[in-house]
N, C-alpha and C. Protein backbone atom coordinates (compact mmCIF):
# COMPACT_ATOMS: atom_id res chain seq x y z
N UNK A 1 -36.79 90.09 24.35
CA UNK A 1 -36.55 88.68 24.19
C UNK A 1 -37.60 88.13 23.23
N UNK A 2 -37.17 87.31 22.32
CA UNK A 2 -38.08 86.75 21.34
C UNK A 2 -38.68 85.46 21.85
N UNK A 3 -39.89 85.16 21.43
CA UNK A 3 -40.57 83.92 21.84
C UNK A 3 -39.83 82.71 21.29
N UNK A 4 -39.13 82.89 20.18
CA UNK A 4 -38.42 81.76 19.59
C UNK A 4 -37.25 81.33 20.47
N UNK A 5 -36.59 82.25 21.12
CA UNK A 5 -35.47 81.90 21.98
C UNK A 5 -35.94 81.24 23.28
N UNK A 6 -37.18 81.51 23.70
CA UNK A 6 -37.71 80.92 24.91
C UNK A 6 -38.16 79.48 24.67
N UNK A 7 -38.85 79.27 23.57
CA UNK A 7 -39.40 77.95 23.29
C UNK A 7 -38.42 77.03 22.60
N UNK A 8 -37.34 77.55 22.09
CA UNK A 8 -36.35 76.72 21.40
C UNK A 8 -36.43 76.96 19.90
N UNK A 9 -35.46 76.42 19.19
CA UNK A 9 -35.43 76.65 17.74
C UNK A 9 -36.54 75.88 17.03
N UNK A 10 -37.08 76.51 16.00
CA UNK A 10 -38.11 75.87 15.19
C UNK A 10 -37.76 76.05 13.72
N UNK A 11 -38.30 75.21 12.92
CA UNK A 11 -38.05 75.31 11.48
C UNK A 11 -39.32 75.82 10.81
N UNK A 12 -39.45 77.11 10.72
CA UNK A 12 -40.57 77.76 10.05
C UNK A 12 -41.92 77.30 10.59
N UNK A 13 -42.00 76.91 11.85
CA UNK A 13 -43.26 76.51 12.46
C UNK A 13 -43.79 75.17 11.97
N UNK A 14 -42.93 74.36 11.35
CA UNK A 14 -43.40 73.07 10.84
C UNK A 14 -43.51 72.06 11.98
N UNK A 15 -44.42 71.14 11.82
CA UNK A 15 -44.58 70.06 12.76
C UNK A 15 -43.70 68.90 12.31
N UNK A 16 -42.92 68.30 13.23
CA UNK A 16 -42.00 67.24 12.86
C UNK A 16 -42.71 65.93 12.55
N UNK A 17 -43.92 65.75 13.06
CA UNK A 17 -44.64 64.51 12.84
C UNK A 17 -45.37 64.55 11.51
N UNK A 18 -45.34 63.45 10.77
CA UNK A 18 -46.10 63.45 9.51
C UNK A 18 -47.59 63.45 9.80
N UNK A 19 -48.35 64.07 8.95
CA UNK A 19 -49.80 64.11 9.20
C UNK A 19 -50.41 62.72 9.05
N UNK A 20 -51.20 62.35 10.02
CA UNK A 20 -51.88 61.05 9.96
C UNK A 20 -53.24 61.22 9.32
N UNK A 21 -53.46 60.56 8.24
CA UNK A 21 -54.73 60.70 7.54
C UNK A 21 -55.75 59.79 8.21
N UNK A 22 -56.49 60.35 9.15
CA UNK A 22 -57.51 59.58 9.83
C UNK A 22 -56.95 58.56 10.80
N UNK A 23 -55.71 58.69 11.17
CA UNK A 23 -55.06 57.73 12.07
C UNK A 23 -55.27 58.17 13.50
N UNK A 24 -55.92 57.34 14.28
CA UNK A 24 -56.16 57.61 15.68
C UNK A 24 -55.15 56.83 16.50
N UNK A 25 -54.39 57.52 17.35
CA UNK A 25 -53.38 56.82 18.16
C UNK A 25 -54.02 55.87 19.16
N UNK A 26 -55.19 56.21 19.65
CA UNK A 26 -55.89 55.35 20.61
C UNK A 26 -57.02 54.65 19.89
N UNK A 27 -56.81 53.40 19.58
CA UNK A 27 -57.84 52.61 18.92
C UNK A 27 -58.28 51.52 19.89
N UNK A 28 -59.48 51.61 20.46
CA UNK A 28 -59.89 50.62 21.45
C UNK A 28 -60.00 49.21 20.89
N UNK A 29 -60.12 49.09 19.59
CA UNK A 29 -60.22 47.74 19.00
C UNK A 29 -58.89 47.02 19.03
N UNK A 30 -57.78 47.75 19.14
CA UNK A 30 -56.46 47.12 19.13
C UNK A 30 -56.01 46.71 20.52
N UNK A 31 -56.72 47.11 21.56
CA UNK A 31 -56.32 46.79 22.93
C UNK A 31 -56.99 45.48 23.33
N UNK A 32 -56.17 44.50 23.67
CA UNK A 32 -56.71 43.21 24.10
C UNK A 32 -57.21 43.32 25.53
N UNK A 33 -58.32 42.66 25.85
CA UNK A 33 -58.78 42.67 27.24
C UNK A 33 -57.83 41.86 28.11
N UNK A 34 -57.75 42.16 29.40
CA UNK A 34 -56.84 41.41 30.26
C UNK A 34 -57.28 39.97 30.41
N UNK A 35 -56.30 39.10 30.60
CA UNK A 35 -56.59 37.68 30.81
C UNK A 35 -57.20 37.50 32.19
N UNK A 36 -57.90 36.39 32.43
CA UNK A 36 -58.52 36.18 33.74
C UNK A 36 -57.53 36.23 34.89
N UNK A 37 -56.33 35.71 34.69
CA UNK A 37 -55.32 35.75 35.75
C UNK A 37 -54.95 37.19 36.10
N UNK A 38 -54.85 38.04 35.09
CA UNK A 38 -54.54 39.44 35.35
C UNK A 38 -55.69 40.13 36.10
N UNK A 39 -56.92 39.78 35.75
CA UNK A 39 -58.07 40.39 36.42
C UNK A 39 -58.07 40.01 37.89
N UNK A 40 -57.88 38.71 38.18
CA UNK A 40 -57.89 38.28 39.57
C UNK A 40 -56.69 38.83 40.34
N UNK A 41 -55.56 38.99 39.68
CA UNK A 41 -54.39 39.58 40.34
C UNK A 41 -54.67 41.03 40.71
N UNK A 42 -55.25 41.78 39.79
CA UNK A 42 -55.58 43.18 40.07
C UNK A 42 -56.61 43.29 41.18
N UNK A 43 -57.62 42.42 41.15
CA UNK A 43 -58.62 42.45 42.22
C UNK A 43 -58.00 42.09 43.56
N UNK A 44 -57.08 41.14 43.57
CA UNK A 44 -56.40 40.77 44.80
C UNK A 44 -55.58 41.91 45.36
N UNK A 45 -54.88 42.61 44.48
CA UNK A 45 -54.08 43.75 44.93
C UNK A 45 -54.98 44.85 45.50
N UNK A 46 -56.09 45.13 44.82
CA UNK A 46 -57.02 46.14 45.33
C UNK A 46 -57.62 45.72 46.66
N UNK A 47 -57.91 44.44 46.82
CA UNK A 47 -58.44 43.95 48.09
C UNK A 47 -57.42 44.10 49.20
N UNK A 48 -56.15 43.81 48.91
CA UNK A 48 -55.11 43.95 49.93
C UNK A 48 -54.93 45.42 50.32
N UNK A 49 -55.01 46.32 49.36
CA UNK A 49 -54.89 47.75 49.67
C UNK A 49 -56.07 48.20 50.54
N UNK A 50 -57.28 47.75 50.20
CA UNK A 50 -58.45 48.12 51.00
C UNK A 50 -58.34 47.56 52.42
N UNK A 51 -57.88 46.32 52.55
CA UNK A 51 -57.71 45.75 53.89
C UNK A 51 -56.63 46.49 54.68
N UNK A 52 -55.57 46.91 54.00
CA UNK A 52 -54.51 47.66 54.68
C UNK A 52 -55.05 49.00 55.20
N UNK A 53 -55.87 49.68 54.39
CA UNK A 53 -56.47 50.93 54.85
C UNK A 53 -57.41 50.68 56.03
N UNK A 54 -58.17 49.61 55.97
CA UNK A 54 -59.06 49.28 57.08
C UNK A 54 -58.30 48.97 58.35
N UNK A 55 -57.19 48.23 58.23
CA UNK A 55 -56.38 47.90 59.39
C UNK A 55 -55.74 49.16 59.96
N UNK A 56 -55.25 50.05 59.10
CA UNK A 56 -54.66 51.30 59.58
C UNK A 56 -55.70 52.15 60.30
N UNK A 57 -56.92 52.20 59.77
CA UNK A 57 -57.98 52.98 60.43
C UNK A 57 -58.33 52.37 61.78
N UNK A 58 -58.38 51.05 61.84
CA UNK A 58 -58.69 50.38 63.10
C UNK A 58 -57.61 50.64 64.15
N UNK A 59 -56.36 50.61 63.72
CA UNK A 59 -55.26 50.85 64.66
C UNK A 59 -55.24 52.30 65.13
N UNK A 60 -55.59 53.23 64.23
CA UNK A 60 -55.61 54.64 64.62
C UNK A 60 -56.73 54.92 65.62
N UNK A 61 -57.84 54.22 65.51
CA UNK A 61 -58.95 54.41 66.45
C UNK A 61 -58.59 53.88 67.82
N UNK A 62 -57.83 52.81 67.86
CA UNK A 62 -57.49 52.17 69.14
C UNK A 62 -56.31 52.81 69.85
N UNK A 63 -55.64 53.80 69.25
CA UNK A 63 -54.50 54.44 69.90
C UNK A 63 -54.98 55.18 71.14
N UNK A 64 -54.21 55.09 72.22
CA UNK A 64 -54.59 55.85 73.43
C UNK A 64 -54.36 57.34 73.19
N UNK A 65 -55.24 58.19 73.73
CA UNK A 65 -55.04 59.65 73.57
C UNK A 65 -53.83 60.12 74.36
N UNK A 66 -53.22 61.20 73.91
CA UNK A 66 -52.02 61.73 74.56
C UNK A 66 -52.37 62.37 75.88
């Protein structure tokens, strides 16, 4: 069995993407920081998750043994 049949057809090993001359896909300068409302929403969600874990742990401790 040939490696070409396993990986699929290729065209002489060429890459389909054009070469990027110094182009970085991840540019931190292009990412806008979150707005204050988004920050507080994320913090609120994390706080609710932490409280839910705390409540679940408290309920598991208070369960009567079998």
